[in-house]
Amino acid sequence: MRVIIQVYLYAHGSRFFKSGDFPVKVSEYKKDPDQAAAVSAFEWIRTIYKEMGYSEDFRIDQVIYDRDHDITELIKQRKGPLN
């Protein structure tokens, strides 16, 4: 199964928007769709963070999946470093 993830990020003094199509585990999605999408979104945000050169002002402003499910707070609550 796949979900469309949209992220609004801030880094290097600018706001960025990125969107992509990502896999989620069907069994996890059936249990908790928001959490399943958050796992994929967090991994993608980690990749973006590394590609942007570890900006000191990096911040996650909003994360949405499938156009209308806001999982921003789930992402911000996840433990673990971005790098």
PDB file of N, CA and C in Angstrom:
ATOM      1  N   MET A   1       0.843  -1.175   0.000  1.00  0.00           N
ATOM      2  CA  MET A   1       0.000   0.000   0.000  1.00  0.00           C
ATOM      3  C   MET A   1       0.890   1.240   0.000  1.00  0.00           C
ATOM      4  N   ARG A   2       0.384   2.309  -0.584  1.00  0.00           N
ATOM      5  CA  ARG A   2       1.164   3.541  -0.676  1.00  0.00           C
ATOM      6  C   ARG A   2       0.313   4.729  -0.222  1.00  0.00           C
ATOM      7  N   VAL A   3       0.986   5.734   0.327  1.00  0.00           N
ATOM      8  CA  VAL A   3       0.316   6.973   0.721  1.00  0.00           C
ATOM      9  C   VAL A   3       1.074   8.144   0.108  1.00  0.00           C
ATOM     10  N   ILE A   4       0.362   9.224  -0.129  1.00  0.00           N
ATOM     11  CA  ILE A   4       0.985  10.459  -0.610  1.00  0.00           C
ATOM     12  C   ILE A   4       1.289  11.314   0.614  1.00  0.00           C
ATOM     13  N   ILE A   5       2.553  11.680   0.762  1.00  0.00           N
ATOM     14  CA  ILE A   5       2.982  12.477   1.905  1.00  0.00           C
ATOM     15  C   ILE A   5       3.423  13.845   1.409  1.00  0.00           C
ATOM     16  N   GLN A   6       2.955  14.880   2.098  1.00  0.00           N
ATOM     17  CA  GLN A   6       3.345  16.265   1.803  1.00  0.00           C
ATOM     18  C   GLN A   6       3.977  16.841   3.061  1.00  0.00           C
ATOM     19  N   VAL A   7       5.147  17.453   2.903  1.00  0.00           N
ATOM     20  CA  VAL A   7       5.818  18.062   4.050  1.00  0.00           C
ATOM     21  C   VAL A   7       6.133  19.523   3.772  1.00  0.00           C
ATOM     22  N   TYR A   8       5.954  20.320   4.800  1.00  0.00           N
ATOM     23  CA  TYR A   8       6.337  21.730   4.775  1.00  0.00           C
ATOM     24  C   TYR A   8       7.441  21.877   5.807  1.00  0.00           C
ATOM     25  N   LEU A   9       8.609  22.256   5.327  1.00  0.00           N
ATOM     26  CA  LEU A   9       9.792  22.342   6.178  1.00  0.00           C
ATOM     27  C   LEU A   9      10.403  23.725   6.098  1.00  0.00           C
ATOM     28  N   TYR A  10      11.194  24.053   7.103  1.00  0.00           N
ATOM     29  CA  TYR A  10      11.929  25.313   7.113  1.00  0.00           C
ATOM     30  C   TYR A  10      13.398  24.975   7.336  1.00  0.00           C
ATOM     31  N   ALA A  11      14.273  25.524   6.498  1.00  0.00           N
ATOM     32  CA  ALA A  11      15.710  25.301   6.640  1.00  0.00           C
ATOM     33  C   ALA A  11      16.463  26.368   5.860  1.00  0.00           C
ATOM     34  N   HIS A  12      17.615  26.722   6.356  1.00  0.00           N
ATOM     35  CA  HIS A  12      18.481  27.702   5.690  1.00  0.00           C
ATOM     36  C   HIS A  12      17.739  29.007   5.396  1.00  0.00           C
ATOM     37  N   GLY A  13      16.834  29.390   6.312  1.00  0.00           N
ATOM     38  CA  GLY A  13      16.118  30.646   6.165  1.00  0.00           C
ATOM     39  C   GLY A  13      14.968  30.636   5.171  1.00  0.00           C
ATOM     40  N   SER A  14      14.579  29.468   4.669  1.00  0.00           N
ATOM     41  CA  SER A  14      13.510  29.388   3.673  1.00  0.00           C
ATOM     42  C   SER A  14      12.533  28.263   4.006  1.00  0.00           C
ATOM     43  N   ARG A  15      11.312  28.421   3.518  1.00  0.00           N
ATOM     44  CA  ARG A  15      10.291  27.388   3.688  1.00  0.00           C
ATOM     45  C   ARG A  15      10.267  26.526   2.427  1.00  0.00           C
ATOM     46  N   PHE A  16      10.136  25.198   2.617  1.00  0.00           N
ATOM     47  CA  PHE A  16      10.149  24.249   1.510  1.00  0.00           C
ATOM     48  C   PHE A  16       8.893  23.393   1.546  1.00  0.00           C
ATOM     49  N   PHE A  17       8.454  22.980   0.380  1.00  0.00           N
ATOM     50  CA  PHE A  17       7.353  22.028   0.246  1.00  0.00           C
ATOM     51  C   PHE A  17       7.858  20.860  -0.583  1.00  0.00           C
ATOM     52  N   LYS A  18       7.612  19.654  -0.094  1.00  0.00           N
ATOM     53  CA  LYS A  18       7.964  18.455  -0.854  1.00  0.00           C
ATOM     54  C   LYS A  18       6.798  17.482  -0.759  1.00  0.00           C
ATOM     55  N   SER A  19       6.621  16.710  -1.812  1.00  0.00           N
ATOM     56  CA  SER A  19       5.541  15.741  -1.859  1.00  0.00           C
ATOM     57  C   SER A  19       6.049  14.470  -2.516  1.00  0.00           C
ATOM     58  N   GLY A  20       5.555  13.331  -2.055  1.00  0.00           N
ATOM     59  CA  GLY A  20       5.969  12.073  -2.651  1.00  0.00           C
ATOM     60  C   GLY A  20       5.014  10.948  -2.295  1.00  0.00           C
ATOM     61  N   ASP A  21       5.216   9.834  -2.940  1.00  0.00           N
ATOM     62  CA  ASP A  21       4.381   8.643  -2.806  1.00  0.00           C
ATOM     63  C   ASP A  21       5.244   7.582  -2.112  1.00  0.00           C
ATOM     64  N   PHE A  22       4.783   7.056  -0.954  1.00  0.00           N
ATOM     65  CA  PHE A  22       5.615   6.169  -0.146  1.00  0.00           C
ATOM     66  C   PHE A  22       4.879   4.917   0.298  1.00  0.00           C
ATOM     67  N   PRO A  23       5.624   3.820   0.458  1.00  0.00           N
ATOM     68  CA  PRO A  23       5.000   2.575   0.903  1.00  0.00           C
ATOM     69  C   PRO A  23       4.727   2.582   2.408  1.00  0.00           C
ATOM     70  N   VAL A  24       3.646   1.913   2.793  1.00  0.00           N
ATOM     71  CA  VAL A  24       3.360   1.649   4.205  1.00  0.00           C
ATOM     72  C   VAL A  24       2.951   0.185   4.307  1.00  0.00           C
ATOM     73  N   LYS A  25       3.196  -0.412   5.458  1.00  0.00           N
ATOM     74  CA  LYS A  25       2.804  -1.802   5.670  1.00  0.00           C
ATOM     75  C   LYS A  25       1.284  -1.872   5.829  1.00  0.00           C
ATOM     76  N   VAL A  26       0.653  -2.723   5.038  1.00  0.00           N
ATOM     77  CA  VAL A  26      -0.808  -2.841   5.056  1.00  0.00           C
ATOM     78  C   VAL A  26      -1.299  -3.219   6.452  1.00  0.00           C
ATOM     79  N   SER A  27      -0.641  -4.163   7.090  1.00  0.00           N
ATOM     80  CA  SER A  27      -1.084  -4.600   8.421  1.00  0.00           C
ATOM     81  C   SER A  27      -1.009  -3.453   9.430  1.00  0.00           C
ATOM     82  N   GLU A  28       0.048  -2.648   9.345  1.00  0.00           N
ATOM     83  CA  GLU A  28       0.194  -1.499  10.249  1.00  0.00           C
ATOM     84  C   GLU A  28      -0.835  -0.416   9.922  1.00  0.00           C
ATOM     85  N   TYR A  29      -1.092  -0.221   8.640  1.00  0.00           N
ATOM     86  CA  TYR A  29      -2.059   0.790   8.213  1.00  0.00           C
ATOM     87  C   TYR A  29      -3.461   0.437   8.699  1.00  0.00           C
ATOM     88  N   LYS A  30      -3.807  -0.841   8.673  1.00  0.00           N
ATOM     89  CA  LYS A  30      -5.125  -1.263   9.152  1.00  0.00           C
ATOM     90  C   LYS A  30      -5.279  -1.038  10.651  1.00  0.00           C
ATOM     91  N   LYS A  31      -4.191  -1.204  11.407  1.00  0.00           N
ATOM     92  CA  LYS A  31      -4.221  -0.995  12.861  1.00  0.00           C
ATOM     93  C   LYS A  31      -4.313   0.490  13.202  1.00  0.00           C
ATOM     94  N   ASP A  32      -3.430   1.285  12.573  1.00  0.00           N
ATOM     95  CA  ASP A  32      -3.344   2.714  12.879  1.00  0.00           C
ATOM     96  C   ASP A  32      -2.791   3.450  11.655  1.00  0.00           C
ATOM     97  N   PRO A  33      -3.670   3.942  10.786  1.00  0.00           N
ATOM     98  CA  PRO A  33      -3.210   4.576   9.545  1.00  0.00           C
ATOM     99  C   PRO A  33      -2.278   5.768   9.773  1.00  0.00           C
ATOM    100  N   ASP A  34      -2.598   6.599  10.767  1.00  0.00           N
ATOM    101  CA  ASP A  34      -1.761   7.771  11.022  1.00  0.00           C
ATOM    102  C   ASP A  34      -0.338   7.360  11.409  1.00  0.00           C
ATOM    103  N   GLN A  35      -0.226   6.386  12.286  1.00  0.00           N
ATOM    104  CA  GLN A  35       1.093   5.940  12.740  1.00  0.00           C
ATOM    105  C   GLN A  35       1.870   5.287  11.605  1.00  0.00           C
ATOM    106  N   ALA A  36       1.203   4.505  10.785  1.00  0.00           N
ATOM    107  CA  ALA A  36       1.869   3.864   9.646  1.00  0.00           C
ATOM    108  C   ALA A  36       2.418   4.909   8.681  1.00  0.00           C
ATOM    109  N   ALA A  37       1.632   5.930   8.407  1.00  0.00           N
ATOM    110  CA  ALA A  37       2.089   7.014   7.528  1.00  0.00           C
ATOM    111  C   ALA A  37       3.218   7.801   8.185  1.00  0.00           C
ATOM    112  N   ALA A  38       3.144   7.989   9.501  1.00  0.00           N
ATOM    113  CA  ALA A  38       4.177   8.743  10.229  1.00  0.00           C
ATOM    114  C   ALA A  38       5.538   8.057  10.146  1.00  0.00           C
ATOM    115  N   VAL A  39       5.558   6.734  10.171  1.00  0.00           N
ATOM    116  CA  VAL A  39       6.823   6.000  10.060  1.00  0.00           C
ATOM    117  C   VAL A  39       7.497   6.317   8.727  1.00  0.00           C
ATOM    118  N   SER A  40       6.736   6.229   7.640  1.00  0.00           N
ATOM    119  CA  SER A  40       7.304   6.539   6.321  1.00  0.00           C
ATOM    120  C   SER A  40       7.699   8.003   6.215  1.00  0.00           C
ATOM    121  N   ALA A  41       6.858   8.890   6.732  1.00  0.00           N
ATOM    122  CA  ALA A  41       7.141  10.329   6.663  1.00  0.00           C
ATOM    123  C   ALA A  41       8.408  10.679   7.435  1.00  0.00           C
ATOM    124  N   PHE A  42       8.575  10.110   8.624  1.00  0.00           N
ATOM    125  CA  PHE A  42       9.753  10.419   9.432  1.00  0.00           C
ATOM    126  C   PHE A  42      11.033   9.977   8.730  1.00  0.00           C
ATOM    127  N   GLU A  43      11.015   8.795   8.145  1.00  0.00           N
ATOM    128  CA  GLU A  43      12.199   8.323   7.417  1.00  0.00           C
ATOM    129  C   GLU A  43      12.525   9.234   6.238  1.00  0.00           C
ATOM    130  N   TRP A  44      11.497   9.677   5.539  1.00  0.00           N
ATOM    131  CA  TRP A  44      11.719  10.577   4.406  1.00  0.00           C
ATOM    132  C   TRP A  44      12.253  11.927   4.882  1.00  0.00           C
ATOM    133  N   ILE A  45      11.710  12.448   5.968  1.00  0.00           N
ATOM    134  CA  ILE A  45      12.176  13.732   6.513  1.00  0.00           C
ATOM    135  C   ILE A  45      13.636  13.616   6.940  1.00  0.00           C
ATOM    136  N   ARG A  46      14.021  12.486   7.501  1.00  0.00           N
ATOM    137  CA  ARG A  46      15.437  12.272   7.854  1.00  0.00           C
ATOM    138  C   ARG A  46      16.320  12.366   6.620  1.00  0.00           C
ATOM    139  N   THR A  47      15.867  11.775   5.522  1.00  0.00           N
ATOM    140  CA  THR A  47      16.628  11.836   4.267  1.00  0.00           C
ATOM    141  C   THR A  47      16.722  13.275   3.770  1.00  0.00           C
ATOM    142  N   ILE A  48      15.626  13.997   3.808  1.00  0.00           N
ATOM    143  CA  ILE A  48      15.614  15.401   3.373  1.00  0.00           C
ATOM    144  C   ILE A  48      16.574  16.217   4.227  1.00  0.00           C
ATOM    145  N   TYR A  49      16.537  16.003   5.535  1.00  0.00           N
ATOM    146  CA  TYR A  49      17.412  16.727   6.469  1.00  0.00           C
ATOM    147  C   TYR A  49      18.880  16.523   6.098  1.00  0.00           C
ATOM    148  N   LYS A  50      19.253  15.290   5.806  1.00  0.00           N
ATOM    149  CA  LYS A  50      20.633  15.000   5.423  1.00  0.00           C
ATOM    150  C   LYS A  50      20.994  15.657   4.093  1.00  0.00           C
ATOM    151  N   GLU A  51      20.064  15.620   3.137  1.00  0.00           N
ATOM    152  CA  GLU A  51      20.322  16.220   1.821  1.00  0.00           C
ATOM    153  C   GLU A  51      20.466  17.729   1.894  1.00  0.00           C
ATOM    154  N   MET A  52      19.786  18.356   2.867  1.00  0.00           N
ATOM    155  CA  MET A  52      19.834  19.812   2.991  1.00  0.00           C
ATOM    156  C   MET A  52      21.085  20.302   3.711  1.00  0.00           C
ATOM    157  N   GLY A  53      21.895  19.410   4.173  1.00  0.00           N
ATOM    158  CA  GLY A  53      23.150  19.822   4.791  1.00  0.00           C
ATOM    159  C   GLY A  53      23.036  20.167   6.262  1.00  0.00           C
ATOM    160  N   TYR A  54      22.187  19.470   6.999  1.00  0.00           N
ATOM    161  CA  TYR A  54      22.107  19.620   8.453  1.00  0.00           C
ATOM    162  C   TYR A  54      21.940  21.072   8.890  1.00  0.00           C
ATOM    163  N   SER A  55      20.945  21.717   8.388  1.00  0.00           N
ATOM    164  CA  SER A  55      20.654  23.110   8.715  1.00  0.00           C
ATOM    165  C   SER A  55      20.341  23.271  10.205  1.00  0.00           C
ATOM    166  N   GLU A  56      20.960  24.250  10.851  1.00  0.00           N
ATOM    167  CA  GLU A  56      20.716  24.494  12.273  1.00  0.00           C
ATOM    168  C   GLU A  56      19.307  25.008  12.537  1.00  0.00           C
ATOM    169  N   ASP A  57      18.705  25.663  11.545  1.00  0.00           N
ATOM    170  CA  ASP A  57      17.353  26.204  11.738  1.00  0.00           C
ATOM    171  C   ASP A  57      16.265  25.289  11.163  1.00  0.00           C
ATOM    172  N   PHE A  58      16.614  24.024  10.923  1.00  0.00           N
ATOM    173  CA  PHE A  58      15.659  23.069  10.349  1.00  0.00           C
ATOM    174  C   PHE A  58      14.474  22.873  11.288  1.00  0.00           C
ATOM    175  N   ARG A  59      13.275  22.928  10.699  1.00  0.00           N
ATOM    176  CA  ARG A  59      12.081  22.668  11.495  1.00  0.00           C
ATOM    177  C   ARG A  59      11.002  22.066  10.601  1.00  0.00           C
ATOM    178  N   ILE A  60      10.158  21.277  11.217  1.00  0.00           N
ATOM    179  CA  ILE A  60       9.041  20.640  10.536  1.00  0.00           C
ATOM    180  C   ILE A  60       7.807  21.485  10.822  1.00  0.00           C
ATOM    181  N   ASP A  61       7.228  22.091   9.793  1.00  0.00           N
ATOM    182  CA  ASP A  61       6.045  22.938   9.985  1.00  0.00           C
ATOM    183  C   ASP A  61       4.747  22.154   9.846  1.00  0.00           C
ATOM    184  N   GLN A  62       4.664  21.270   8.862  1.00  0.00           N
ATOM    185  CA  GLN A  62       3.433  20.504   8.680  1.00  0.00           C
ATOM    186  C   GLN A  62       3.718  19.240   7.879  1.00  0.00           C
ATOM    187  N   VAL A  63       3.030  18.158   8.261  1.00  0.00           N
ATOM    188  CA  VAL A  63       3.135  16.891   7.537  1.00  0.00           C
ATOM    189  C   VAL A  63       1.710  16.360   7.344  1.00  0.00           C
ATOM    190  N   ILE A  64       1.374  16.086   6.098  1.00  0.00           N
ATOM    191  CA  ILE A  64       0.028  15.628   5.734  1.00  0.00           C
ATOM    192  C   ILE A  64       0.184  14.380   4.870  1.00  0.00           C
ATOM    193  N   TYR A  65      -0.732  13.420   5.046  1.00  0.00           N
ATOM    194  CA  TYR A  65      -0.743  12.296   4.114  1.00  0.00           C
ATOM    195  C   TYR A  65      -2.134  12.160   3.506  1.00  0.00           C
ATOM    196  N   ASP A  66      -2.150  11.676   2.288  1.00  0.00           N
ATOM    197  CA  ASP A  66      -3.384  11.507   1.503  1.00  0.00           C
ATOM    198  C   ASP A  66      -4.260  12.765   1.518  1.00  0.00           C
ATOM    199  N   ARG A  67      -3.613  13.886   1.387  1.00  0.00           N
ATOM    200  CA  ARG A  67      -4.213  15.207   1.175  1.00  0.00           C
ATOM    201  C   ARG A  67      -4.967  15.824   2.353  1.00  0.00           C
ATOM    202  N   ASP A  68      -5.448  15.035   3.320  1.00  0.00           N
ATOM    203  CA  ASP A  68      -6.213  15.686   4.388  1.00  0.00           C
ATOM    204  C   ASP A  68      -6.006  15.108   5.786  1.00  0.00           C
ATOM    205  N   HIS A  69      -4.968  14.294   5.983  1.00  0.00           N
ATOM    206  CA  HIS A  69      -4.689  13.726   7.298  1.00  0.00           C
ATOM    207  C   HIS A  69      -3.412  14.364   7.852  1.00  0.00           C
ATOM    208  N   ASP A  70      -3.573  15.253   8.804  1.00  0.00           N
ATOM    209  CA  ASP A  70      -2.439  15.965   9.382  1.00  0.00           C
ATOM    210  C   ASP A  70      -1.787  15.118  10.472  1.00  0.00           C
ATOM    211  N   ILE A  71      -0.519  14.771  10.275  1.00  0.00           N
ATOM    212  CA  ILE A  71       0.220  13.969  11.257  1.00  0.00           C
ATOM    213  C   ILE A  71       1.428  14.727  11.807  1.00  0.00           C
ATOM    214  N   THR A  72       1.364  16.047  11.742  1.00  0.00           N
ATOM    215  CA  THR A  72       2.477  16.878  12.189  1.00  0.00           C
ATOM    216  C   THR A  72       2.886  16.562  13.625  1.00  0.00           C
ATOM    217  N   GLU A  73       1.925  16.497  14.526  1.00  0.00           N
ATOM    218  CA  GLU A  73       2.256  16.262  15.935  1.00  0.00           C
ATOM    219  C   GLU A  73       2.845  14.877  16.152  1.00  0.00           C
ATOM    220  N   LEU A  74       2.367  13.884  15.434  1.00  0.00           N
ATOM    221  CA  LEU A  74       2.954  12.538  15.539  1.00  0.00           C
ATOM    222  C   LEU A  74       4.424  12.556  15.134  1.00  0.00           C
ATOM    223  N   ILE A  75       4.729  13.281  14.081  1.00  0.00           N
ATOM    224  CA  ILE A  75       6.113  13.373  13.607  1.00  0.00           C
ATOM    225  C   ILE A  75       6.977  14.092  14.641  1.00  0.00           C
ATOM    226  N   LYS A  76       6.488  15.191  15.169  1.00  0.00           N
ATOM    227  CA  LYS A  76       7.264  15.958  16.146  1.00  0.00           C
ATOM    228  C   LYS A  76       7.484  15.184  17.439  1.00  0.00           C
ATOM    229  N   GLN A  77       6.584  14.261  17.771  1.00  0.00           N
ATOM    230  CA  GLN A  77       6.710  13.471  19.001  1.00  0.00           C
ATOM    231  C   GLN A  77       7.638  12.268  18.844  1.00  0.00           C
ATOM    232  N   ARG A  78       7.966  11.898  17.625  1.00  0.00           N
ATOM    233  CA  ARG A  78       8.819  10.725  17.416  1.00  0.00           C
ATOM    234  C   ARG A  78      10.177  10.936  18.046  1.00  0.00           C
ATOM    235  N   LYS A  79      10.654   9.915  18.672  1.00  0.00           N
ATOM    236  CA  LYS A  79      11.983   9.980  19.290  1.00  0.00           C
ATOM    237  C   LYS A  79      13.016   9.527  18.283  1.00  0.00           C
ATOM    238  N   GLY A  80      14.193  10.032  18.432  1.00  0.00           N
ATOM    239  CA  GLY A  80      15.274   9.653  17.542  1.00  0.00           C
ATOM    240  C   GLY A  80      15.771  10.860  16.767  1.00  0.00           C
ATOM    241  N   PRO A  81      17.049  10.894  16.552  1.00  0.00           N
ATOM    242  CA  PRO A  81      17.633  12.034  15.828  1.00  0.00           C
ATOM    243  C   PRO A  81      17.278  11.996  14.347  1.00  0.00           C
ATOM    244  N   LEU A  82      17.280  13.159  13.755  1.00  0.00           N
ATOM    245  CA  LEU A  82      17.058  13.229  12.315  1.00  0.00           C
ATOM    246  C   LEU A  82      18.294  12.765  11.555  1.00  0.00           C
ATOM    247  N   ASN A  83      19.466  12.937  12.124  1.00  0.00           N
ATOM    248  CA  ASN A  83      20.676  12.582  11.388  1.00  0.00           C
ATOM    249  C   ASN A  83      21.093  11.206  11.663  1.00  0.00           C
TER     250      ASN A  83
END
